[in-house]
Amino acid sequence: MAGIIVVLPSVLQPLAGGQSFLTAPADTAVTVEGVLDVVTGEYPALSRRLRDETGAIRRYVNIYVNGNEIRRLQGLATEVSPGQEVLIIQSVAGG
């Protein structure tokens, strides 16, 4: 069984038990939404940090599949194939 690796930035790792990578089991292509549902299932605080109450990606969270930001693709419906990585980057506000 292949999987999809979700790479977390250091700021989000404490919300995922300190892990820098989460794996979603997959043997066929799935959507980014499906991947997030699987990997955040055990980590509700991580889920709330990534998505708002409606399930939409928060505006300060950027998610990439194969180097492409999903907002420029099909958003949460963007397909991810086994063996691909999903990279999550959280913008850091500051001044």
C-alpha atoms as a PDB file:
ATOM      1  CA  MET A   1       0.000   0.000   0.000  1.00  0.00           C
ATOM      2  CA  ALA A   2       1.480   3.272  -1.078  1.00  0.00           C
ATOM      3  CA  GLY A   3       0.705   6.446   0.747  1.00  0.00           C
ATOM      4  CA  ILE A   4       0.628  10.189   0.501  1.00  0.00           C
ATOM      5  CA  ILE A   5       3.039  12.092   2.698  1.00  0.00           C
ATOM      6  CA  VAL A   6       1.867  15.344   4.281  1.00  0.00           C
ATOM      7  CA  VAL A   7       4.785  17.592   5.243  1.00  0.00           C
ATOM      8  CA  LEU A   8       4.110  19.909   8.186  1.00  0.00           C
ATOM      9  CA  PRO A   9       6.005  23.105   9.026  1.00  0.00           C
ATOM     10  CA  SER A  10       7.593  23.280  12.475  1.00  0.00           C
ATOM     11  CA  VAL A  11       4.900  25.677  13.730  1.00  0.00           C
ATOM     12  CA  LEU A  12       2.211  23.005  13.165  1.00  0.00           C
ATOM     13  CA  GLN A  13       4.171  19.974  14.406  1.00  0.00           C
ATOM     14  CA  PRO A  14       3.125  20.363  18.080  1.00  0.00           C
ATOM     15  CA  LEU A  15      -0.511  20.007  16.929  1.00  0.00           C
ATOM     16  CA  ALA A  16       0.352  16.645  15.339  1.00  0.00           C
ATOM     17  CA  GLY A  17       2.099  15.022  18.274  1.00  0.00           C
ATOM     18  CA  GLY A  18       5.428  16.567  17.279  1.00  0.00           C
ATOM     19  CA  GLN A  19       5.516  14.822  13.903  1.00  0.00           C
ATOM     20  CA  SER A  20       6.930  16.548  10.830  1.00  0.00           C
ATOM     21  CA  PHE A  21       5.312  14.077   8.414  1.00  0.00           C
ATOM     22  CA  LEU A  22       1.886  12.468   8.426  1.00  0.00           C
ATOM     23  CA  THR A  23       0.945   9.656   6.056  1.00  0.00           C
ATOM     24  CA  ALA A  24      -2.422   9.074   4.449  1.00  0.00           C
ATOM     25  CA  PRO A  25      -2.779   5.513   3.165  1.00  0.00           C
ATOM     26  CA  ALA A  26      -3.838   5.524  -0.475  1.00  0.00           C
ATOM     27  CA  ASP A  27      -3.599   3.134  -3.383  1.00  0.00           C
ATOM     28  CA  THR A  28      -5.448   5.363  -5.846  1.00  0.00           C
ATOM     29  CA  ALA A  29      -5.662   9.114  -6.369  1.00  0.00           C
ATOM     30  CA  VAL A  30      -7.590  10.987  -3.691  1.00  0.00           C
ATOM     31  CA  THR A  31      -8.456  14.630  -3.126  1.00  0.00           C
ATOM     32  CA  VAL A  32      -6.520  17.005  -0.913  1.00  0.00           C
ATOM     33  CA  GLU A  33      -9.684  17.237   1.194  1.00  0.00           C
ATOM     34  CA  GLY A  34      -9.675  13.459   1.665  1.00  0.00           C
ATOM     35  CA  VAL A  35      -6.003  13.477   2.628  1.00  0.00           C
ATOM     36  CA  LEU A  36      -6.576  16.223   5.202  1.00  0.00           C
ATOM     37  CA  ASP A  37      -9.597  14.382   6.618  1.00  0.00           C
ATOM     38  CA  VAL A  38      -7.467  11.268   7.172  1.00  0.00           C
ATOM     39  CA  VAL A  39      -4.327  12.873   8.581  1.00  0.00           C
ATOM     40  CA  THR A  40      -6.113  15.337  10.868  1.00  0.00           C
ATOM     41  CA  GLY A  41      -8.584  12.747  12.187  1.00  0.00           C
ATOM     42  CA  GLU A  42      -6.467  12.136  15.285  1.00  0.00           C
ATOM     43  CA  TYR A  43      -5.488  15.802  15.610  1.00  0.00           C
ATOM     44  CA  PRO A  44      -8.575  18.051  15.883  1.00  0.00           C
ATOM     45  CA  ALA A  45      -6.457  21.089  16.842  1.00  0.00           C
ATOM     46  CA  LEU A  46      -4.460  20.669  13.625  1.00  0.00           C
ATOM     47  CA  SER A  47      -7.674  20.363  11.628  1.00  0.00           C
ATOM     48  CA  ARG A  48      -9.020  23.605  13.134  1.00  0.00           C
ATOM     49  CA  ARG A  49      -5.740  25.387  12.350  1.00  0.00           C
ATOM     50  CA  LEU A  50      -5.900  24.356   8.684  1.00  0.00           C
ATOM     51  CA  ARG A  51      -9.609  24.765   7.925  1.00  0.00           C
ATOM     52  CA  ASP A  52     -12.372  27.063   9.121  1.00  0.00           C
ATOM     53  CA  GLU A  53     -15.838  26.090  10.345  1.00  0.00           C
ATOM     54  CA  THR A  54     -17.078  25.672   6.769  1.00  0.00           C
ATOM     55  CA  GLY A  55     -14.218  23.316   5.872  1.00  0.00           C
ATOM     56  CA  ALA A  56     -12.431  25.874   3.678  1.00  0.00           C
ATOM     57  CA  ILE A  57      -8.663  26.264   3.881  1.00  0.00           C
ATOM     58  CA  ARG A  58      -7.801  29.227   6.090  1.00  0.00           C
ATOM     59  CA  ARG A  59      -6.384  32.148   4.132  1.00  0.00           C
ATOM     60  CA  TYR A  60      -3.000  32.043   5.906  1.00  0.00           C
ATOM     61  CA  VAL A  61      -2.519  28.349   5.081  1.00  0.00           C
ATOM     62  CA  ASN A  62      -1.007  27.386   1.737  1.00  0.00           C
ATOM     63  CA  ILE A  63      -1.086  23.805   0.521  1.00  0.00           C
ATOM     64  CA  TYR A  64       1.050  22.541  -2.352  1.00  0.00           C
ATOM     65  CA  VAL A  65       0.839  19.381  -4.442  1.00  0.00           C
ATOM     66  CA  ASN A  66       3.894  18.772  -6.632  1.00  0.00           C
ATOM     67  CA  GLY A  67       5.007  22.361  -6.057  1.00  0.00           C
ATOM     68  CA  ASN A  68       1.679  23.830  -7.188  1.00  0.00           C
ATOM     69  CA  GLU A  69      -0.465  25.818  -4.761  1.00  0.00           C
ATOM     70  CA  ILE A  70      -3.906  24.177  -4.656  1.00  0.00           C
ATOM     71  CA  ARG A  71      -5.752  27.504  -4.892  1.00  0.00           C
ATOM     72  CA  ARG A  72      -4.330  27.726  -8.436  1.00  0.00           C
ATOM     73  CA  LEU A  73      -5.519  24.167  -9.151  1.00  0.00           C
ATOM     74  CA  GLN A  74      -8.854  22.724  -7.991  1.00  0.00           C
ATOM     75  CA  GLY A  75      -8.563  23.720  -4.324  1.00  0.00           C
ATOM     76  CA  LEU A  76      -9.565  20.948  -1.933  1.00  0.00           C
ATOM     77  CA  ALA A  77     -10.731  18.889  -4.926  1.00  0.00           C
ATOM     78  CA  THR A  78      -7.159  18.765  -6.303  1.00  0.00           C
ATOM     79  CA  GLU A  79      -6.150  15.138  -6.817  1.00  0.00           C
ATOM     80  CA  VAL A  80      -3.108  13.624  -5.155  1.00  0.00           C
ATOM     81  CA  SER A  81      -1.662  10.295  -6.255  1.00  0.00           C
ATOM     82  CA  PRO A  82       0.058   7.728  -4.054  1.00  0.00           C
ATOM     83  CA  GLY A  83       3.725   8.600  -3.633  1.00  0.00           C
ATOM     84  CA  GLN A  84       3.142  12.338  -4.002  1.00  0.00           C
ATOM     85  CA  GLU A  85       3.749  14.844  -1.242  1.00  0.00           C
ATOM     86  CA  VAL A  86       1.378  17.449   0.109  1.00  0.00           C
ATOM     87  CA  LEU A  87       3.273  20.382   1.590  1.00  0.00           C
ATOM     88  CA  ILE A  88       1.552  22.639   4.093  1.00  0.00           C
ATOM     89  CA  ILE A  89       2.962  26.106   4.702  1.00  0.00           C
ATOM     90  CA  GLN A  90       1.481  28.482   7.230  1.00  0.00           C
ATOM     91  CA  SER A  91       2.112  32.155   6.653  1.00  0.00           C
ATOM     92  CA  VAL A  92       3.678  33.881   9.622  1.00  0.00           C
ATOM     93  CA  ALA A  93       2.293  37.288  10.428  1.00  0.00           C
ATOM     94  CA  GLY A  94       4.634  39.871  11.808  1.00  0.00           C
ATOM     95  CA  GLY A  95       5.868  43.334  11.411  1.00  0.00           C
END
